[in-house]
Amino acid sequence: MHCKMISFLKAGKPVLCMGVLICAAAALCRSAVEQTLYQFQGGTNGWYPSAAMVADDAGNLYGTTLEGGTVGSCEGQGDGCGTVFELKPPSQRGGEWTHSVIYTFLGNDGAAPQDPLITDGQGNLYGATDEGGLTDGCQPGGCGVVFRLSPPAKKGGAWTEVVLHYFEGVPSGNGLGDAAEPNNIVLGSDGNLYGMAYSGGDCATGEGGTVCSGAVFELERPANPSGTWKEKLLYIFNVRSGTGSPQNAFFDKFGNLDGTLGGGAFGFGEVFSLTPTAHGAWTLTSLHDFTGAPDGAFPNQGLAIDAAGNVYGTTGGGGDNEPGDGTVYELEPPAQQGGAWTESVIFTFTGITTGYCPENGPIMDGAGNLYGTTASGGGSDFGLIFKLTPQQGGGWSESTLYSFPGGSGGEAPNTLNFGKSGAIFGTSSLGGTNGKGECGVLTCGFVFGVAP
């Protein structure tokens, strides 16, 4: 048994092919049966939704497609720079969801969005693209941007995009420059945006080319709504230490900005914390270094955090079985700032029956149950959705919510998330019908639901 890499080659670059999973309680069946809600068609309609969608108070869902939009608008990406779309639920149970593209990227304003959007409570959407924008420092596709989309003032009007920051990724004379390839962003209590960048920061050039460690950044909200957002690099990782590519920005119960990294003390990844100091600098602390066995290896993107501040995530490999099919872990914070966090494995994936190779983190409902996906395993070995239920007296019980059949039924499910009224939605990498055939031998991605 080993973990399968599910990818396709597009423009000479390996890219994950993803779709979208949605469950709306009022619009879906009551048993764990897949229901296709929307099929992407490619072209201007969009290809390969690659991140979890976010829901507003009305139950509308917003997400992004990695490609699609205006064909030929991105250098090296002839199928478009990607889109932001909206899905409206049906007015009556069993009706069709309504899809619309609310923004199309053109390259200079961002390209290839593949991280979740966030909202600010006023209807604005914020997101990051790891390509597009300025191209001087990151040829040919740009270093990425953080953007804001504002809803139209009148129904039926156009959404307005503003690029809040263009990443440059250009090392200066001392090897330190701006960040590049921003990923997930979070909104702080101060109204500023915080996030991680996979690349840029500290760079070193050797025989294999230039390697950069990445950084953690802040975008300071201007006092004037039409003013300029100011970027600050809070921490730059040392490329020579072998640790970098930060992701999973979140604020812990102490107000520290935390995340996960590649590398670490044992080379299997780590969870870190950044603490602000009185003089403005942020100090780095390692909360946990993964050892491969038994606590897992290579933490995935996506974390769940409960009311007590406990953090839950998955690893793509490792565990106490061979060759290591991944784990679900818990990080318990200390009672006081500065104490040691406690890591424990709450579930180890063991193969076909339980699934294996999770590629994304779990989500948690109000009762404390965890839901997640594996890229492989299940009855047909095309992946599954699992549920972990906490037990009285300790421990967790695992059950399979849905096993993907492959083909038109989908396979390799990706990120899950919650919508209105406890609905569950997420993504599926492959499978489904091929729409208009504009996506070649692969599908363009599709929206489907499975009742919890």
Protein backbone atom coordinates (compact mmCIF):
# COMPACT_ATOMS: atom_id res chain seq x y z
CA MET A 1 0.00 0.00 0.00
CA HIS A 2 1.36 3.42 -0.81
CA CYS A 3 0.00 6.90 -1.33
CA LYS A 4 -0.86 7.78 -4.91
CA MET A 5 -0.03 11.16 -6.40
CA ILE A 6 -3.15 12.37 -8.21
CA SER A 7 -2.16 15.13 -10.60
CA PHE A 8 -2.06 16.10 -14.22
CA LEU A 9 0.48 17.99 -16.29
CA LYS A 10 -0.72 21.36 -17.52
CA ALA A 11 1.62 23.70 -19.36
CA GLY A 12 4.57 21.61 -18.20
CA LYS A 13 3.68 22.09 -14.53
CA PRO A 14 2.12 19.47 -12.23
CA VAL A 15 -1.13 20.84 -10.86
CA LEU A 16 -3.73 19.15 -8.70
CA CYS A 17 -7.03 18.70 -10.51
CA MET A 18 -9.92 19.43 -8.17
CA GLY A 19 -13.72 19.76 -8.09
CA VAL A 20 -16.21 20.84 -5.38
CA LEU A 21 -18.39 19.04 -2.81
CA ILE A 22 -21.43 20.69 -1.33
CA CYS A 23 -24.21 19.56 0.97
CA ALA A 24 -27.11 21.91 1.67
CA ALA A 25 -29.44 20.45 4.26
CA ALA A 26 -32.61 21.68 2.57
CA ALA A 27 -31.57 20.77 -0.95
CA LEU A 28 -29.94 17.35 -0.60
CA CYS A 29 -31.09 13.85 0.09
CA ARG A 30 -31.08 12.58 3.66
CA SER A 31 -28.79 9.59 3.17
CA ALA A 32 -25.13 9.46 2.22
CA VAL A 33 -25.80 9.40 -1.52
CA GLU A 34 -23.89 11.60 -3.91
CA GLN A 35 -25.87 14.28 -5.71
CA THR A 36 -24.26 16.34 -8.46
CA LEU A 37 -25.26 19.97 -8.06
CA TYR A 38 -23.14 21.63 -10.71
CA GLN A 39 -20.81 20.56 -13.53
CA PHE A 40 -18.13 22.98 -14.70
CA GLN A 41 -17.84 23.28 -18.46
CA GLY A 42 -14.37 24.74 -19.00
CA GLY A 43 -13.57 27.81 -21.05
CA THR A 44 -15.08 31.02 -19.67
CA ASN A 45 -17.17 28.90 -17.29
CA GLY A 46 -14.05 27.82 -15.37
CA TRP A 47 -11.97 24.68 -14.89
CA TYR A 48 -10.89 22.75 -11.81
CA PRO A 49 -12.19 24.41 -8.64
CA SER A 50 -9.26 23.89 -6.29
CA ALA A 51 -10.23 25.17 -2.85
CA ALA A 52 -13.03 24.96 -0.31
CA MET A 53 -15.92 27.35 -0.87
CA VAL A 54 -17.22 29.85 1.65
CA ALA A 55 -20.91 30.50 2.37
CA ASP A 56 -22.66 33.77 3.17
CA ASP A 57 -25.66 34.19 5.47
CA ALA A 58 -28.07 33.56 2.60
CA GLY A 59 -26.47 30.19 1.79
CA ASN A 60 -24.77 31.39 -1.39
CA LEU A 61 -21.43 29.71 -1.99
CA TYR A 62 -18.29 31.35 -3.34
CA GLY A 63 -15.22 29.64 -4.71
CA THR A 64 -12.46 29.78 -7.28
CA THR A 65 -11.34 27.79 -10.30
CA LEU A 66 -7.67 27.23 -10.95
CA GLU A 67 -8.09 27.85 -14.68
CA GLY A 68 -10.70 29.10 -17.10
CA GLY A 69 -11.92 32.57 -17.88
CA THR A 70 -10.36 34.53 -20.72
CA VAL A 71 -8.41 32.02 -22.82
CA GLY A 72 -4.81 33.00 -23.53
CA SER A 73 -4.74 35.69 -20.84
CA CYS A 74 -1.91 34.07 -18.84
CA GLU A 75 1.60 33.39 -20.10
CA GLY A 76 2.28 29.67 -19.82
CA GLN A 77 -1.36 29.05 -18.95
CA GLY A 78 -3.25 29.16 -22.22
CA ASP A 79 -6.56 28.08 -20.70
CA GLY A 80 -7.19 31.23 -18.69
CA CYS A 81 -6.01 32.65 -15.38
CA GLY A 82 -8.91 31.37 -13.28
CA THR A 83 -12.22 32.66 -11.99
CA VAL A 84 -14.22 33.45 -8.87
CA PHE A 85 -17.73 31.99 -8.98
CA GLU A 86 -20.97 32.09 -7.03
CA LEU A 87 -23.45 29.25 -6.56
CA LYS A 88 -26.97 30.13 -5.45
CA PRO A 89 -29.08 27.40 -3.84
CA PRO A 90 -32.43 26.51 -5.40
CA SER A 91 -35.58 28.22 -4.14
CA GLN A 92 -37.25 24.83 -3.79
CA ARG A 93 -35.87 21.54 -2.57
CA GLY A 94 -34.48 19.44 -5.39
CA GLY A 95 -34.09 22.38 -7.75
CA GLU A 96 -30.95 23.37 -9.63
CA TRP A 97 -28.16 25.48 -8.18
CA THR A 98 -27.37 28.61 -10.20
CA HIS A 99 -23.75 29.22 -11.17
CA SER A 100 -22.31 32.57 -12.22
CA VAL A 101 -18.76 33.83 -12.73
CA ILE A 102 -18.41 36.99 -10.66
CA TYR A 103 -14.79 37.71 -11.59
CA THR A 104 -12.29 36.57 -14.22
CA PHE A 105 -8.55 37.00 -13.62
CA LEU A 106 -6.42 38.40 -16.43
CA GLY A 107 -2.93 37.79 -15.05
CA ASN A 108 -1.81 41.25 -13.97
CA ASP A 109 -4.53 41.15 -11.30
CA GLY A 110 -3.73 37.60 -10.16
CA ALA A 111 -3.76 34.10 -11.62
CA ALA A 112 -4.34 30.47 -10.62
CA PRO A 113 -6.30 30.98 -7.35
CA GLN A 114 -6.18 27.78 -5.30
CA ASP A 115 -6.76 28.79 -1.67
CA PRO A 116 -10.01 29.39 0.24
CA LEU A 117 -11.70 32.77 0.14
CA ILE A 118 -12.61 34.57 3.38
CA THR A 119 -15.28 37.16 4.14
CA ASP A 120 -15.31 40.24 6.38
CA GLY A 121 -18.98 40.37 7.37
CA GLN A 122 -19.76 43.22 4.96
CA GLY A 123 -20.02 40.95 1.93
CA ASN A 124 -16.46 41.49 0.70
CA LEU A 125 -14.40 38.49 -0.34
CA TYR A 126 -10.63 38.28 0.18
CA GLY A 127 -8.26 35.80 -1.38
CA ALA A 128 -4.76 35.10 -2.65
CA THR A 129 -3.33 33.86 -5.92
CA ASP A 130 0.13 32.32 -6.01
CA GLU A 131 0.71 33.56 -9.56
CA GLY A 132 -0.05 36.71 -11.50
CA GLY A 133 0.61 40.33 -10.66
CA LEU A 134 4.16 41.63 -11.12
CA THR A 135 6.44 39.49 -13.27
CA ASP A 136 9.89 41.04 -12.77
CA GLY A 137 10.77 38.85 -9.82
CA CYS A 138 8.87 35.68 -10.70
CA GLN A 139 9.06 35.04 -14.42
CA PRO A 140 6.96 34.26 -16.30
CA GLY A 141 3.75 34.17 -14.31
CA GLY A 142 4.18 36.70 -11.51
CA CYS A 143 4.70 36.33 -7.77
CA GLY A 144 1.05 36.38 -6.70
CA VAL A 145 -1.34 38.88 -5.15
CA VAL A 146 -3.79 39.36 -2.30
CA PHE A 147 -7.09 40.72 -3.61
CA ARG A 148 -10.49 41.96 -2.44
CA LEU A 149 -13.77 41.51 -4.28
CA SER A 150 -16.60 43.88 -3.34
CA PRO A 151 -20.23 43.04 -4.18
CA PRO A 152 -22.20 45.26 -6.56
CA ALA A 153 -24.11 48.19 -5.13
CA LYS A 154 -27.19 47.14 -7.10
CA LYS A 155 -28.51 43.67 -7.85
CA GLY A 156 -27.17 42.38 -11.12
CA GLY A 157 -24.16 44.70 -11.15
CA ALA A 158 -20.52 43.70 -11.43
CA TRP A 159 -18.24 42.78 -8.56
CA THR A 160 -15.18 45.01 -8.17
CA GLU A 161 -11.68 43.62 -7.66
CA VAL A 162 -8.87 45.56 -5.98
CA VAL A 163 -5.36 44.15 -5.64
CA LEU A 164 -4.30 44.91 -2.07
CA HIS A 165 -0.69 43.83 -2.56
CA TYR A 166 1.51 42.71 -5.44
CA PHE A 167 4.21 40.35 -4.20
CA GLU A 168 7.65 40.93 -5.68
CA GLY A 169 9.70 37.95 -4.53
CA VAL A 170 12.94 39.68 -5.52
CA PRO A 171 15.88 38.94 -3.19
CA SER A 172 17.88 42.01 -2.28
CA GLY A 173 21.65 42.16 -1.95
CA ASN A 174 21.58 40.38 1.40
CA GLY A 175 19.30 37.63 0.05
CA LEU A 176 16.18 39.04 1.70
CA GLY A 177 13.29 40.35 -0.34
CA ASP A 178 9.53 40.35 -0.51
CA ALA A 179 7.54 37.13 -0.25
CA ALA A 180 6.05 35.20 -3.17
CA GLU A 181 3.25 32.68 -3.73
CA PRO A 182 0.89 33.71 -0.91
CA ASN A 183 -1.49 31.03 0.34
CA ASN A 184 -4.28 31.11 2.91
CA ILE A 185 -5.01 34.46 4.53
CA VAL A 186 -6.83 35.22 7.79
CA LEU A 187 -8.51 38.34 9.12
CA GLY A 188 -7.12 39.53 12.45
CA SER A 189 -9.12 41.15 15.24
CA ASP A 190 -7.37 44.41 14.33
CA GLY A 191 -8.88 44.31 10.83
CA ASN A 192 -5.53 43.55 9.19
CA LEU A 193 -4.89 40.57 6.94
CA TYR A 194 -2.28 37.95 7.80
CA GLY A 195 -0.98 35.10 5.72
CA MET A 196 1.80 32.77 4.68
CA ALA A 197 3.86 32.74 1.49
CA TYR A 198 5.40 29.55 0.14
CA SER A 199 8.37 31.30 -1.46
CA GLY A 200 10.36 34.52 -1.53
CA GLY A 201 11.97 35.90 1.60
CA ASP A 202 15.37 34.30 2.15
CA CYS A 203 16.79 32.79 -1.06
CA ALA A 204 19.93 30.87 -1.92
CA THR A 205 21.26 29.97 -5.35
CA GLY A 206 23.16 26.76 -5.97
CA GLU A 207 23.72 24.18 -8.68
CA GLY A 208 20.05 23.22 -8.57
CA GLY A 209 18.89 26.82 -9.03
CA THR A 210 17.42 29.33 -6.59
CA VAL A 211 15.55 28.06 -3.53
CA CYS A 212 13.55 30.36 -1.23
CA SER A 213 12.16 29.67 2.23
CA GLY A 214 8.98 31.74 2.33
CA ALA A 215 7.68 34.17 4.91
CA VAL A 216 4.78 35.28 7.11
CA PHE A 217 3.25 38.63 6.19
CA GLU A 218 0.78 41.23 7.44
CA LEU A 219 -1.25 43.64 5.33
CA GLU A 220 -2.20 46.68 7.40
CA ARG A 221 -5.66 48.07 6.66
CA PRO A 222 -5.57 51.79 5.74
CA ALA A 223 -7.55 54.31 7.77
CA ASN A 224 -9.11 55.53 4.52
CA PRO A 225 -11.07 52.72 2.81
CA SER A 226 -9.61 53.79 -0.54
CA GLY A 227 -6.08 54.01 0.83
CA THR A 228 -3.12 51.68 0.28
CA TRP A 229 -2.66 48.53 2.30
CA LYS A 230 0.87 48.37 3.75
CA GLU A 231 2.73 45.05 3.70
CA LYS A 232 5.11 43.97 6.44
CA LEU A 233 7.07 40.72 6.59
CA LEU A 234 6.63 39.50 10.15
CA TYR A 235 9.06 36.61 9.82
CA ILE A 236 11.39 35.29 7.13
CA PHE A 237 12.45 31.64 7.36
CA ASN A 238 16.08 30.65 6.92
CA VAL A 239 16.46 28.77 3.66
CA ARG A 240 19.71 27.16 4.83
CA SER A 241 17.97 25.48 7.77
CA GLY A 242 15.90 23.31 5.44
CA THR A 243 12.68 24.64 6.95
CA GLY A 244 10.20 26.71 4.96
CA SER A 245 7.08 26.83 2.77
CA PRO A 246 4.76 27.98 5.58
CA GLN A 247 0.98 27.53 5.36
CA ASN A 248 -2.11 27.22 7.59
CA ALA A 249 -2.14 30.66 9.20
CA PHE A 250 -4.33 30.78 12.33
CA PHE A 251 -4.51 32.70 15.60
CA ASP A 252 -4.32 30.56 18.74
CA LYS A 253 -6.06 31.27 22.05
CA PHE A 254 -3.11 33.40 23.22
CA GLY A 255 -3.29 35.67 20.19
CA ASN A 256 -0.16 34.22 18.58
CA LEU A 257 -0.03 33.69 14.83
CA ASP A 258 0.64 30.00 14.17
CA GLY A 259 1.06 27.76 11.15
CA THR A 260 2.75 24.68 9.73
CA LEU A 261 6.04 24.22 7.88
CA GLY A 262 7.98 21.77 5.83
CA GLY A 263 11.25 20.53 7.28
CA GLY A 264 11.53 20.83 11.04
CA ALA A 265 13.86 19.02 13.42
CA PHE A 266 13.28 15.60 11.84
CA GLY A 267 12.46 16.65 8.27
CA PHE A 268 8.78 15.63 8.53
CA GLY A 269 7.30 19.09 9.14
CA GLU A 270 6.42 21.13 12.20
CA VAL A 271 3.82 23.40 13.77
CA PHE A 272 5.19 26.82 14.73
CA SER A 273 4.05 29.89 16.60
CA LEU A 274 4.92 33.57 16.12
CA THR A 275 4.60 35.85 19.15
CA PRO A 276 4.63 39.65 18.83
CA THR A 277 7.04 41.56 21.08
CA ALA A 278 6.95 45.06 22.51
CA HIS A 279 9.60 46.34 20.08
CA GLY A 280 7.70 45.12 17.00
CA ALA A 281 9.60 41.96 16.12
CA TRP A 282 7.94 38.54 16.15
CA THR A 283 9.67 35.58 17.78
CA LEU A 284 9.40 32.00 16.46
CA THR A 285 8.67 28.98 18.65
CA SER A 286 8.26 25.39 17.51
CA LEU A 287 5.10 23.86 18.99
CA HIS A 288 5.67 20.37 17.59
CA ASP A 289 8.11 18.60 15.27
CA PHE A 290 6.65 15.59 13.48
CA THR A 291 8.73 12.43 13.70
CA GLY A 292 7.16 10.35 10.93
CA ALA A 293 6.28 7.43 13.21
CA PRO A 294 4.03 7.25 15.08
CA ASP A 295 2.73 10.83 14.93
CA GLY A 296 2.72 11.32 11.17
CA ALA A 297 4.69 13.15 8.51
CA PHE A 298 4.08 16.20 6.34
CA PRO A 299 1.12 18.18 7.78
CA ASN A 300 -1.54 19.08 5.23
CA GLN A 301 -3.19 22.39 4.57
CA GLY A 302 -6.38 22.92 6.55
CA LEU A 303 -6.92 22.88 10.32
CA ALA A 304 -9.90 22.67 12.67
CA ILE A 305 -9.88 24.51 16.01
CA ASP A 306 -12.38 23.90 18.82
CA ALA A 307 -13.66 26.29 21.48
CA ALA A 308 -10.90 25.27 23.91
CA GLY A 309 -8.21 26.12 21.38
CA ASN A 310 -7.30 22.54 20.52
CA VAL A 311 -6.01 22.23 16.95
CA TYR A 312 -6.78 19.28 14.67
CA GLY A 313 -5.03 18.43 11.42
CA THR A 314 -3.95 15.59 9.16
CA THR A 315 -0.61 14.39 7.85
CA GLY A 316 -0.20 13.03 4.35
CA GLY A 317 2.04 10.19 5.49
CA GLY A 318 3.59 8.56 8.51
CA GLY A 319 1.85 6.89 11.41
CA ASP A 320 2.50 3.61 13.18
CA ASN A 321 1.87 1.36 10.16
CA GLU A 322 3.98 0.61 7.10
CA PRO A 323 4.56 2.32 4.75
CA GLY A 324 2.70 5.13 6.54
CA ASP A 325 -0.75 6.14 5.29
CA GLY A 326 -1.21 9.32 7.32
CA THR A 327 -2.78 10.39 10.59
CA VAL A 328 -5.25 12.75 12.24
CA TYR A 329 -3.54 14.62 15.08
CA GLU A 330 -4.56 16.91 17.93
CA LEU A 331 -2.48 19.71 19.46
CA GLU A 332 -3.62 20.75 22.92
CA PRO A 333 -2.49 24.20 24.09
CA PRO A 334 -0.98 24.73 27.54
CA ALA A 335 -2.92 26.38 30.34
CA GLN A 336 -0.62 29.40 30.23
CA GLN A 337 1.32 31.23 27.55
CA GLY A 338 4.80 29.80 27.10
CA GLY A 339 3.97 26.26 28.22
CA ALA A 340 4.42 23.17 26.06
CA TRP A 341 1.75 22.08 23.62
CA THR A 342 0.75 18.40 23.73
CA GLU A 343 0.45 16.44 20.49
CA SER A 344 -1.46 13.17 20.19
CA VAL A 345 -2.54 10.98 17.28
CA ILE A 346 -6.29 10.43 17.44
CA PHE A 347 -6.50 8.26 14.31
CA THR A 348 -4.13 6.41 11.99
CA PHE A 349 -5.18 5.53 8.45
CA THR A 350 -4.57 1.90 7.60
CA GLY A 351 -5.52 1.40 3.96
CA ILE A 352 -8.55 0.54 1.83
CA THR A 353 -11.13 0.24 4.61
CA THR A 354 -10.32 3.45 6.50
CA GLY A 355 -8.87 5.33 3.57
CA TYR A 356 -5.32 6.56 3.20
CA CYS A 357 -3.34 9.54 1.95
CA PRO A 358 -5.36 12.49 3.30
CA GLU A 359 -4.37 15.62 1.39
CA ASN A 360 -6.35 18.19 3.39
CA GLY A 361 -7.21 18.91 6.98
CA PRO A 362 -10.50 18.14 8.77
CA ILE A 363 -13.47 20.31 9.73
CA MET A 364 -15.39 20.17 13.04
CA ASP A 365 -19.11 20.53 13.71
CA GLY A 366 -20.76 21.97 16.81
CA ALA A 367 -20.90 18.56 18.49
CA GLY A 368 -17.14 18.08 18.18
CA ASN A 369 -17.23 15.56 15.33
CA LEU A 370 -14.46 15.76 12.75
CA TYR A 371 -15.02 15.25 9.01
CA GLY A 372 -12.33 14.84 6.40
CA THR A 373 -11.32 13.14 3.19
CA THR A 374 -8.74 10.72 1.89
CA ALA A 375 -7.52 10.74 -1.69
CA SER A 376 -7.50 6.94 -1.83
CA GLY A 377 -9.20 4.03 -0.13
CA GLY A 378 -12.84 3.15 0.28
CA GLY A 379 -14.79 0.39 -1.42
CA SER A 380 -13.47 1.20 -4.90
CA ASP A 381 -10.17 2.75 -3.76
CA PHE A 382 -11.16 6.16 -5.15
CA GLY A 383 -11.21 7.97 -1.81
CA LEU A 384 -13.77 8.58 0.91
CA ILE A 385 -15.23 11.02 3.41
CA PHE A 386 -14.62 9.96 7.00
CA LYS A 387 -16.15 10.99 10.30
CA LEU A 388 -14.40 10.86 13.68
CA THR A 389 -16.68 10.93 16.73
CA PRO A 390 -15.31 11.60 20.23
CA GLN A 391 -16.18 8.88 22.74
CA GLN A 392 -17.11 9.25 26.39
CA GLY A 393 -14.12 8.32 28.46
CA GLY A 394 -11.68 9.18 25.66
CA GLY A 395 -10.79 8.00 22.20
CA TRP A 396 -12.44 8.49 18.84
CA SER A 397 -14.51 6.19 16.65
CA GLU A 398 -14.13 6.31 12.87
CA SER A 399 -16.84 5.73 10.27
CA THR A 400 -17.09 6.23 6.52
CA LEU A 401 -19.66 8.82 5.54
CA TYR A 402 -19.30 8.24 1.81
CA SER A 403 -17.07 6.13 -0.43
CA PHE A 404 -16.42 7.49 -3.92
CA PRO A 405 -17.07 5.01 -6.77
CA GLY A 406 -14.87 6.68 -9.39
CA GLY A 407 -15.87 7.59 -12.94
CA SER A 408 -18.99 9.72 -13.09
CA GLY A 409 -19.37 9.36 -9.31
CA GLY A 410 -16.13 11.21 -8.61
CA GLU A 411 -12.85 10.32 -6.96
CA ALA A 412 -10.01 11.77 -4.87
CA PRO A 413 -12.13 14.12 -2.73
CA ASN A 414 -10.45 17.23 -1.47
CA THR A 415 -11.26 19.93 1.11
CA LEU A 416 -14.56 19.96 3.05
CA ASN A 417 -16.25 22.93 4.66
CA PHE A 418 -19.53 23.97 6.27
CA GLY A 419 -22.24 26.12 4.75
CA LYS A 420 -25.51 27.53 6.03
CA SER A 421 -27.42 25.49 8.64
CA GLY A 422 -24.58 23.02 9.14
CA ALA A 423 -24.37 21.99 5.49
CA ILE A 424 -21.13 20.30 4.38
CA PHE A 425 -19.27 21.10 1.20
CA GLY A 426 -15.82 20.34 -0.16
CA THR A 427 -13.96 19.29 -3.32
CA SER A 428 -13.27 16.24 -5.49
CA SER A 429 -10.25 16.00 -7.74
CA LEU A 430 -11.34 13.74 -10.60
CA GLY A 431 -14.35 12.01 -12.09
CA GLY A 432 -17.78 13.17 -13.11
CA THR A 433 -19.06 13.79 -16.59
CA ASN A 434 -16.91 15.71 -19.03
CA GLY A 435 -19.22 18.65 -19.64
CA LYS A 436 -18.66 20.06 -23.11
CA GLY A 437 -15.38 18.22 -23.48
CA GLU A 438 -13.28 21.40 -23.29
CA CYS A 439 -11.11 19.90 -20.56
CA GLY A 440 -9.72 17.08 -22.71
CA VAL A 441 -9.64 13.59 -21.27
CA LEU A 442 -10.11 14.92 -17.75
CA THR A 443 -13.24 16.49 -16.32
CA CYS A 444 -13.57 20.20 -15.58
CA GLY A 445 -14.65 19.65 -11.98
CA PHE A 446 -18.13 19.45 -10.54
CA VAL A 447 -20.21 20.38 -7.52
CA PHE A 448 -21.85 17.58 -5.58
CA GLY A 449 -23.29 16.89 -2.17
CA VAL A 450 -23.34 14.15 0.45
CA ALA A 451 -25.61 14.50 3.49
CA PRO A 452 -23.77 14.15 6.83
